[in-house]
Amino acid sequence: MNSVFQRIDCNFIPVSNLEESINWYVEMLGCALVWKEESGYAALNVSKSLEEGKSANIEIGQAMITLVESENFSPLCFTKNGQKHPYMNFYTNEIGRAHQILSKYGFTEEQIIDEGNLQYFNFYEINGHYMGVCCF
């Protein structure tokens, strides 16, 4: 059977303060704000490679981040073999630079793990969600 799905459209991330979270994702991770609704939603492209206002999910088939202001959520994380595991990875070809930025502002204390073809580290974003960064 052929899949009826073509891509992941967006990843919903619950946040406690929409404006503060938008600023954090734009300033800290380099995301680009695409749109924001008064109802508490904001869509961001992970990369700023598109013209302002263009949606990565529509233009180039890349999943976007949609921040959802929520009054009650638990930070996203799970465990595997007793170890914390990030629920989402960001890809970069500049893992050293990404690590330096997140470390400088206290969002990670983890070192870059180098497994040969894969390098990665994990961090906590402003709402306490446990995320990862990888490079391969």
N, C-alpha and C. Protein backbone atom coordinates (compact mmCIF):
# COMPACT_ATOMS: atom_id res chain seq x y z
N MET A 1 0.83 -1.18 0.00
CA MET A 1 0.00 0.00 0.00
C MET A 1 0.88 1.24 0.00
N ASN A 2 0.59 2.20 -0.84
CA ASN A 2 1.31 3.46 -0.87
C ASN A 2 0.88 4.33 0.29
N SER A 3 1.82 5.09 0.81
CA SER A 3 1.52 6.00 1.90
C SER A 3 0.64 7.15 1.42
N VAL A 4 -0.28 7.55 2.26
CA VAL A 4 -1.11 8.71 1.93
C VAL A 4 -0.46 10.00 2.43
N PHE A 5 0.69 9.87 3.13
CA PHE A 5 1.38 11.04 3.68
C PHE A 5 2.62 11.38 2.85
N GLN A 6 2.90 12.66 2.69
CA GLN A 6 4.06 13.08 1.92
C GLN A 6 5.20 13.62 2.78
N ARG A 7 4.90 14.12 3.97
CA ARG A 7 5.95 14.68 4.82
C ARG A 7 5.39 14.97 6.21
N ILE A 8 6.26 15.32 7.13
CA ILE A 8 5.82 15.87 8.41
C ILE A 8 5.65 17.36 8.19
N ASP A 9 4.49 17.87 8.50
CA ASP A 9 4.19 19.28 8.28
C ASP A 9 4.86 20.15 9.34
N CYS A 10 4.60 19.84 10.60
CA CYS A 10 5.19 20.63 11.68
C CYS A 10 5.27 19.79 12.94
N ASN A 11 6.09 20.23 13.85
CA ASN A 11 6.21 19.65 15.18
C ASN A 11 5.66 20.66 16.16
N PHE A 12 4.62 20.29 16.91
CA PHE A 12 4.04 21.18 17.90
C PHE A 12 4.86 21.10 19.19
N ILE A 13 5.26 22.27 19.69
CA ILE A 13 6.03 22.34 20.92
C ILE A 13 5.28 23.24 21.90
N PRO A 14 4.86 22.68 23.05
CA PRO A 14 4.16 23.51 24.02
C PRO A 14 5.13 24.47 24.71
N VAL A 15 4.68 25.70 24.91
CA VAL A 15 5.51 26.72 25.57
C VAL A 15 4.66 27.47 26.59
N SER A 16 5.33 28.03 27.59
CA SER A 16 4.60 28.76 28.62
C SER A 16 4.37 30.22 28.25
N ASN A 17 5.26 30.79 27.47
CA ASN A 17 5.15 32.19 27.07
C ASN A 17 5.53 32.28 25.60
N LEU A 18 4.56 32.57 24.74
CA LEU A 18 4.79 32.53 23.30
C LEU A 18 5.85 33.54 22.85
N GLU A 19 5.73 34.79 23.26
CA GLU A 19 6.69 35.82 22.82
C GLU A 19 8.10 35.49 23.27
N GLU A 20 8.26 35.11 24.52
CA GLU A 20 9.57 34.76 25.05
C GLU A 20 10.16 33.57 24.29
N SER A 21 9.32 32.59 24.00
CA SER A 21 9.79 31.39 23.29
C SER A 21 10.14 31.70 21.84
N ILE A 22 9.34 32.52 21.18
CA ILE A 22 9.68 32.94 19.80
C ILE A 22 11.05 33.58 19.80
N ASN A 23 11.26 34.52 20.70
CA ASN A 23 12.56 35.22 20.77
C ASN A 23 13.69 34.23 21.01
N TRP A 24 13.49 33.26 21.91
CA TRP A 24 14.53 32.29 22.21
C TRP A 24 14.86 31.45 20.98
N TYR A 25 13.86 30.93 20.29
CA TYR A 25 14.10 30.10 19.11
C TYR A 25 14.75 30.90 17.97
N VAL A 26 14.39 32.14 17.83
CA VAL A 26 14.98 32.98 16.79
C VAL A 26 16.42 33.35 17.16
N GLU A 27 16.62 33.84 18.38
CA GLU A 27 17.95 34.32 18.79
C GLU A 27 18.93 33.17 19.06
N MET A 28 18.47 32.14 19.77
CA MET A 28 19.38 31.08 20.21
C MET A 28 19.60 30.02 19.13
N LEU A 29 18.53 29.63 18.43
CA LEU A 29 18.66 28.55 17.45
C LEU A 29 18.69 29.04 16.01
N GLY A 30 18.45 30.34 15.80
CA GLY A 30 18.51 30.88 14.45
C GLY A 30 17.30 30.57 13.59
N CYS A 31 16.18 30.22 14.23
CA CYS A 31 14.94 29.96 13.48
C CYS A 31 14.39 31.27 12.92
N ALA A 32 13.49 31.16 11.97
CA ALA A 32 12.86 32.33 11.36
C ALA A 32 11.35 32.27 11.61
N LEU A 33 10.80 33.33 12.18
CA LEU A 33 9.36 33.41 12.41
C LEU A 33 8.65 33.55 11.07
N VAL A 34 7.64 32.70 10.84
CA VAL A 34 6.86 32.75 9.60
C VAL A 34 5.53 33.43 9.86
N TRP A 35 4.84 33.01 10.92
CA TRP A 35 3.59 33.66 11.28
C TRP A 35 3.29 33.45 12.75
N LYS A 36 2.44 34.31 13.29
CA LYS A 36 2.02 34.22 14.68
C LYS A 36 0.54 34.56 14.74
N GLU A 37 -0.20 33.82 15.56
CA GLU A 37 -1.63 34.07 15.73
C GLU A 37 -1.90 34.54 17.15
N GLU A 38 -2.88 35.40 17.28
CA GLU A 38 -3.28 35.88 18.61
C GLU A 38 -3.78 34.74 19.50
N SER A 39 -4.21 33.65 18.89
CA SER A 39 -4.73 32.52 19.66
C SER A 39 -3.64 31.69 20.33
N GLY A 40 -2.36 32.09 20.17
CA GLY A 40 -1.27 31.42 20.87
C GLY A 40 -0.48 30.43 20.07
N TYR A 41 -0.41 30.60 18.75
CA TYR A 41 0.39 29.74 17.88
C TYR A 41 1.41 30.59 17.13
N ALA A 42 2.59 30.01 16.90
CA ALA A 42 3.60 30.67 16.06
C ALA A 42 4.36 29.61 15.29
N ALA A 43 4.52 29.81 13.99
CA ALA A 43 5.25 28.87 13.14
C ALA A 43 6.63 29.43 12.83
N LEU A 44 7.62 28.55 12.90
CA LEU A 44 9.00 28.95 12.63
C LEU A 44 9.65 27.97 11.67
N ASN A 45 10.43 28.51 10.74
CA ASN A 45 11.32 27.67 9.93
C ASN A 45 12.57 27.44 10.75
N VAL A 46 13.09 26.23 10.69
CA VAL A 46 14.32 25.93 11.42
C VAL A 46 15.49 26.69 10.81
N SER A 47 15.49 26.87 9.52
CA SER A 47 16.55 27.56 8.80
C SER A 47 16.04 28.89 8.26
N LYS A 48 16.92 29.87 8.18
CA LYS A 48 16.56 31.17 7.61
C LYS A 48 16.86 31.23 6.12
N SER A 49 16.96 30.08 5.48
CA SER A 49 17.36 30.06 4.07
C SER A 49 16.24 30.47 3.11
N LEU A 50 15.03 30.61 3.61
CA LEU A 50 13.90 31.00 2.75
C LEU A 50 13.60 32.47 2.89
N GLU A 51 12.96 33.02 1.88
CA GLU A 51 12.50 34.39 1.91
C GLU A 51 11.54 34.56 3.09
N GLU A 52 11.61 35.71 3.76
CA GLU A 52 10.77 35.97 4.92
C GLU A 52 9.29 35.73 4.61
N GLY A 53 8.63 35.03 5.52
CA GLY A 53 7.21 34.75 5.37
C GLY A 53 6.89 33.48 4.60
N LYS A 54 7.88 32.86 3.95
CA LYS A 54 7.66 31.62 3.22
C LYS A 54 7.75 30.44 4.18
N SER A 55 6.89 29.47 4.02
CA SER A 55 6.84 28.30 4.90
C SER A 55 7.68 27.16 4.34
N ALA A 56 8.61 26.66 5.16
CA ALA A 56 9.48 25.57 4.73
C ALA A 56 8.69 24.31 4.39
N ASN A 57 7.59 24.08 5.10
CA ASN A 57 6.81 22.88 4.82
C ASN A 57 6.17 22.94 3.44
N ILE A 58 5.77 24.11 3.01
CA ILE A 58 5.13 24.28 1.69
C ILE A 58 6.18 24.42 0.59
N GLU A 59 7.19 25.25 0.82
CA GLU A 59 8.16 25.58 -0.22
C GLU A 59 9.16 24.47 -0.52
N ILE A 60 9.70 23.83 0.54
CA ILE A 60 10.77 22.85 0.31
C ILE A 60 10.54 21.51 1.01
N GLY A 61 9.36 21.33 1.59
CA GLY A 61 9.02 20.05 2.19
C GLY A 61 9.73 19.73 3.49
N GLN A 62 10.23 20.74 4.18
CA GLN A 62 10.87 20.53 5.47
C GLN A 62 9.89 20.84 6.58
N ALA A 63 9.92 20.02 7.62
CA ALA A 63 9.04 20.24 8.76
C ALA A 63 9.37 21.55 9.44
N MET A 64 8.33 22.19 9.94
CA MET A 64 8.48 23.45 10.68
C MET A 64 8.25 23.18 12.16
N ILE A 65 8.53 24.17 12.97
CA ILE A 65 8.22 24.14 14.40
C ILE A 65 7.01 25.04 14.59
N THR A 66 6.01 24.53 15.31
CA THR A 66 4.88 25.37 15.68
C THR A 66 4.84 25.43 17.20
N LEU A 67 5.12 26.61 17.74
CA LEU A 67 5.05 26.82 19.18
C LEU A 67 3.59 27.03 19.55
N VAL A 68 3.16 26.38 20.63
CA VAL A 68 1.77 26.47 21.08
C VAL A 68 1.78 26.90 22.54
N GLU A 69 1.29 28.11 22.79
CA GLU A 69 1.24 28.59 24.17
C GLU A 69 0.24 27.73 24.95
N SER A 70 0.71 27.17 26.05
CA SER A 70 -0.10 26.24 26.82
C SER A 70 0.01 26.57 28.30
N GLU A 71 -1.09 26.45 28.99
CA GLU A 71 -1.08 26.75 30.42
C GLU A 71 -0.62 25.56 31.25
N ASN A 72 -0.56 24.37 30.65
CA ASN A 72 -0.20 23.21 31.44
C ASN A 72 0.45 22.16 30.55
N PHE A 73 1.73 21.91 30.74
CA PHE A 73 2.42 20.86 30.01
C PHE A 73 3.59 20.35 30.82
N SER A 74 4.04 19.17 30.51
CA SER A 74 5.25 18.61 31.09
C SER A 74 6.34 18.73 30.04
N PRO A 75 7.54 19.14 30.44
CA PRO A 75 8.63 19.22 29.45
C PRO A 75 8.80 17.88 28.73
N LEU A 76 9.05 17.95 27.44
CA LEU A 76 9.14 16.77 26.60
C LEU A 76 10.50 16.08 26.75
N CYS A 77 10.44 14.80 27.06
CA CYS A 77 11.63 13.98 27.25
C CYS A 77 11.14 12.55 27.51
N PHE A 78 11.96 11.57 27.25
CA PHE A 78 11.64 10.20 27.63
C PHE A 78 12.94 9.49 27.99
N THR A 79 12.83 8.28 28.52
CA THR A 79 14.03 7.54 28.89
C THR A 79 14.15 6.27 28.07
N LYS A 80 15.39 5.89 27.83
CA LYS A 80 15.71 4.61 27.18
C LYS A 80 16.89 4.03 27.95
N ASN A 81 16.73 2.81 28.41
CA ASN A 81 17.76 2.15 29.23
C ASN A 81 18.17 3.01 30.42
N GLY A 82 17.19 3.67 31.02
CA GLY A 82 17.44 4.48 32.21
C GLY A 82 18.09 5.83 31.94
N GLN A 83 18.31 6.18 30.69
CA GLN A 83 18.95 7.44 30.33
C GLN A 83 17.95 8.39 29.68
N LYS A 84 18.06 9.69 29.98
CA LYS A 84 17.22 10.67 29.31
C LYS A 84 17.51 10.64 27.81
N HIS A 85 16.47 10.83 27.03
CA HIS A 85 16.61 10.80 25.58
C HIS A 85 15.85 12.00 25.01
N PRO A 86 16.46 12.76 24.10
CA PRO A 86 15.74 13.89 23.51
C PRO A 86 14.61 13.39 22.62
N TYR A 87 13.57 14.17 22.52
CA TYR A 87 12.45 13.78 21.68
C TYR A 87 12.59 14.33 20.27
N MET A 88 13.55 15.23 20.05
CA MET A 88 13.71 15.84 18.73
C MET A 88 15.17 16.24 18.55
N ASN A 89 15.69 16.05 17.33
CA ASN A 89 17.05 16.45 16.98
C ASN A 89 17.02 17.58 15.96
N PHE A 90 17.90 18.53 16.13
CA PHE A 90 18.18 19.52 15.10
C PHE A 90 19.43 19.06 14.38
N TYR A 91 19.48 19.22 13.08
CA TYR A 91 20.66 18.88 12.31
C TYR A 91 21.47 20.15 12.04
N THR A 92 22.79 20.02 12.11
CA THR A 92 23.68 21.13 11.77
C THR A 92 24.94 20.57 11.13
N ASN A 93 25.58 21.38 10.30
CA ASN A 93 26.91 21.02 9.80
C ASN A 93 27.97 21.83 10.54
N GLU A 94 27.54 22.55 11.59
CA GLU A 94 28.45 23.33 12.44
C GLU A 94 28.20 22.98 13.92
N ILE A 95 28.44 21.72 14.27
CA ILE A 95 28.09 21.27 15.61
C ILE A 95 28.92 21.97 16.69
N GLY A 96 30.16 22.26 16.40
CA GLY A 96 30.99 22.98 17.37
C GLY A 96 30.44 24.36 17.68
N ARG A 97 30.03 25.05 16.65
CA ARG A 97 29.45 26.39 16.82
C ARG A 97 28.12 26.32 17.58
N ALA A 98 27.27 25.35 17.22
CA ALA A 98 25.99 25.19 17.92
C ALA A 98 26.23 24.89 19.40
N HIS A 99 27.18 24.02 19.70
CA HIS A 99 27.50 23.68 21.09
C HIS A 99 28.02 24.89 21.84
N GLN A 100 28.87 25.66 21.19
CA GLN A 100 29.43 26.85 21.83
C GLN A 100 28.34 27.85 22.19
N ILE A 101 27.41 28.09 21.30
CA ILE A 101 26.33 29.05 21.55
C ILE A 101 25.46 28.58 22.72
N LEU A 102 25.00 27.33 22.67
CA LEU A 102 24.12 26.83 23.72
C LEU A 102 24.84 26.71 25.07
N SER A 103 26.12 26.39 25.05
CA SER A 103 26.90 26.32 26.29
C SER A 103 27.11 27.70 26.89
N LYS A 104 27.42 28.67 26.05
CA LYS A 104 27.68 30.03 26.51
C LYS A 104 26.53 30.59 27.34
N TYR A 105 25.29 30.25 26.95
CA TYR A 105 24.13 30.77 27.64
C TYR A 105 23.54 29.78 28.65
N GLY A 106 24.26 28.69 28.93
CA GLY A 106 23.86 27.76 29.98
C GLY A 106 22.76 26.79 29.63
N PHE A 107 22.52 26.54 28.34
CA PHE A 107 21.45 25.61 27.96
C PHE A 107 21.94 24.18 27.80
N THR A 108 23.26 23.97 27.82
CA THR A 108 23.79 22.60 27.83
C THR A 108 25.07 22.58 28.64
N GLU A 109 25.26 21.48 29.34
CA GLU A 109 26.52 21.21 30.03
C GLU A 109 27.13 19.94 29.47
N GLU A 110 26.47 19.34 28.50
CA GLU A 110 26.95 18.11 27.89
C GLU A 110 28.02 18.40 26.85
N GLN A 111 28.94 17.49 26.71
CA GLN A 111 29.98 17.60 25.69
C GLN A 111 29.47 16.98 24.39
N ILE A 112 30.14 17.31 23.30
CA ILE A 112 29.83 16.69 22.02
C ILE A 112 30.33 15.25 22.05
N ILE A 113 29.46 14.32 21.71
CA ILE A 113 29.83 12.91 21.60
C ILE A 113 30.18 12.64 20.15
N ASP A 114 31.35 12.04 19.94
CA ASP A 114 31.81 11.75 18.58
C ASP A 114 31.85 10.24 18.39
N GLU A 115 30.97 9.73 17.54
CA GLU A 115 30.91 8.30 17.25
C GLU A 115 31.43 8.00 15.84
N GLY A 116 32.32 8.85 15.35
CA GLY A 116 32.88 8.65 14.01
C GLY A 116 32.03 9.32 12.95
N ASN A 117 31.03 8.62 12.45
CA ASN A 117 30.15 9.20 11.42
C ASN A 117 29.05 10.07 12.00
N LEU A 118 28.91 10.08 13.31
CA LEU A 118 27.86 10.84 13.98
C LEU A 118 28.43 11.60 15.16
N GLN A 119 28.11 12.87 15.24
CA GLN A 119 28.42 13.69 16.41
C GLN A 119 27.11 14.24 16.93
N TYR A 120 26.99 14.35 18.26
CA TYR A 120 25.76 14.88 18.82
C TYR A 120 25.96 15.38 20.24
N PHE A 121 25.02 16.19 20.70
CA PHE A 121 24.91 16.58 22.10
C PHE A 121 23.45 16.95 22.34
N ASN A 122 23.08 17.02 23.61
CA ASN A 122 21.71 17.33 23.98
C ASN A 122 21.67 18.59 24.82
N PHE A 123 20.50 19.22 24.86
CA PHE A 123 20.35 20.47 25.60
C PHE A 123 18.91 20.63 26.06
N TYR A 124 18.72 21.55 26.99
CA TYR A 124 17.37 21.93 27.43
C TYR A 124 17.04 23.29 26.83
N GLU A 125 15.87 23.39 26.19
CA GLU A 125 15.47 24.68 25.67
C GLU A 125 14.77 25.47 26.77
N ILE A 126 14.33 26.66 26.47
CA ILE A 126 13.84 27.61 27.46
C ILE A 126 12.63 27.11 28.27
N ASN A 127 11.85 26.19 27.72
CA ASN A 127 10.68 25.65 28.43
C ASN A 127 10.97 24.32 29.13
N GLY A 128 12.24 23.90 29.11
CA GLY A 128 12.63 22.66 29.78
C GLY A 128 12.57 21.42 28.92
N HIS A 129 12.24 21.55 27.64
CA HIS A 129 12.20 20.39 26.74
C HIS A 129 13.63 19.93 26.46
N TYR A 130 13.83 18.62 26.48
CA TYR A 130 15.13 18.02 26.23
C TYR A 130 15.27 17.72 24.75
N MET A 131 16.19 18.38 24.07
CA MET A 131 16.37 18.28 22.63
C MET A 131 17.79 17.89 22.30
N GLY A 132 18.01 17.50 21.07
CA GLY A 132 19.34 17.13 20.64
C GLY A 132 19.79 17.90 19.42
N VAL A 133 21.10 17.85 19.19
CA VAL A 133 21.71 18.42 17.99
C VAL A 133 22.62 17.33 17.43
N CYS A 134 22.53 17.11 16.12
CA CYS A 134 23.38 16.07 15.52
C CYS A 134 24.03 16.59 14.25
N CYS A 135 25.09 15.91 13.88
CA CYS A 135 25.86 16.21 12.68
C CYS A 135 26.40 14.90 12.15
N PHE A 136 26.21 14.63 10.87
CA PHE A 136 26.77 13.41 10.27
C PHE A 136 27.14 13.65 8.84
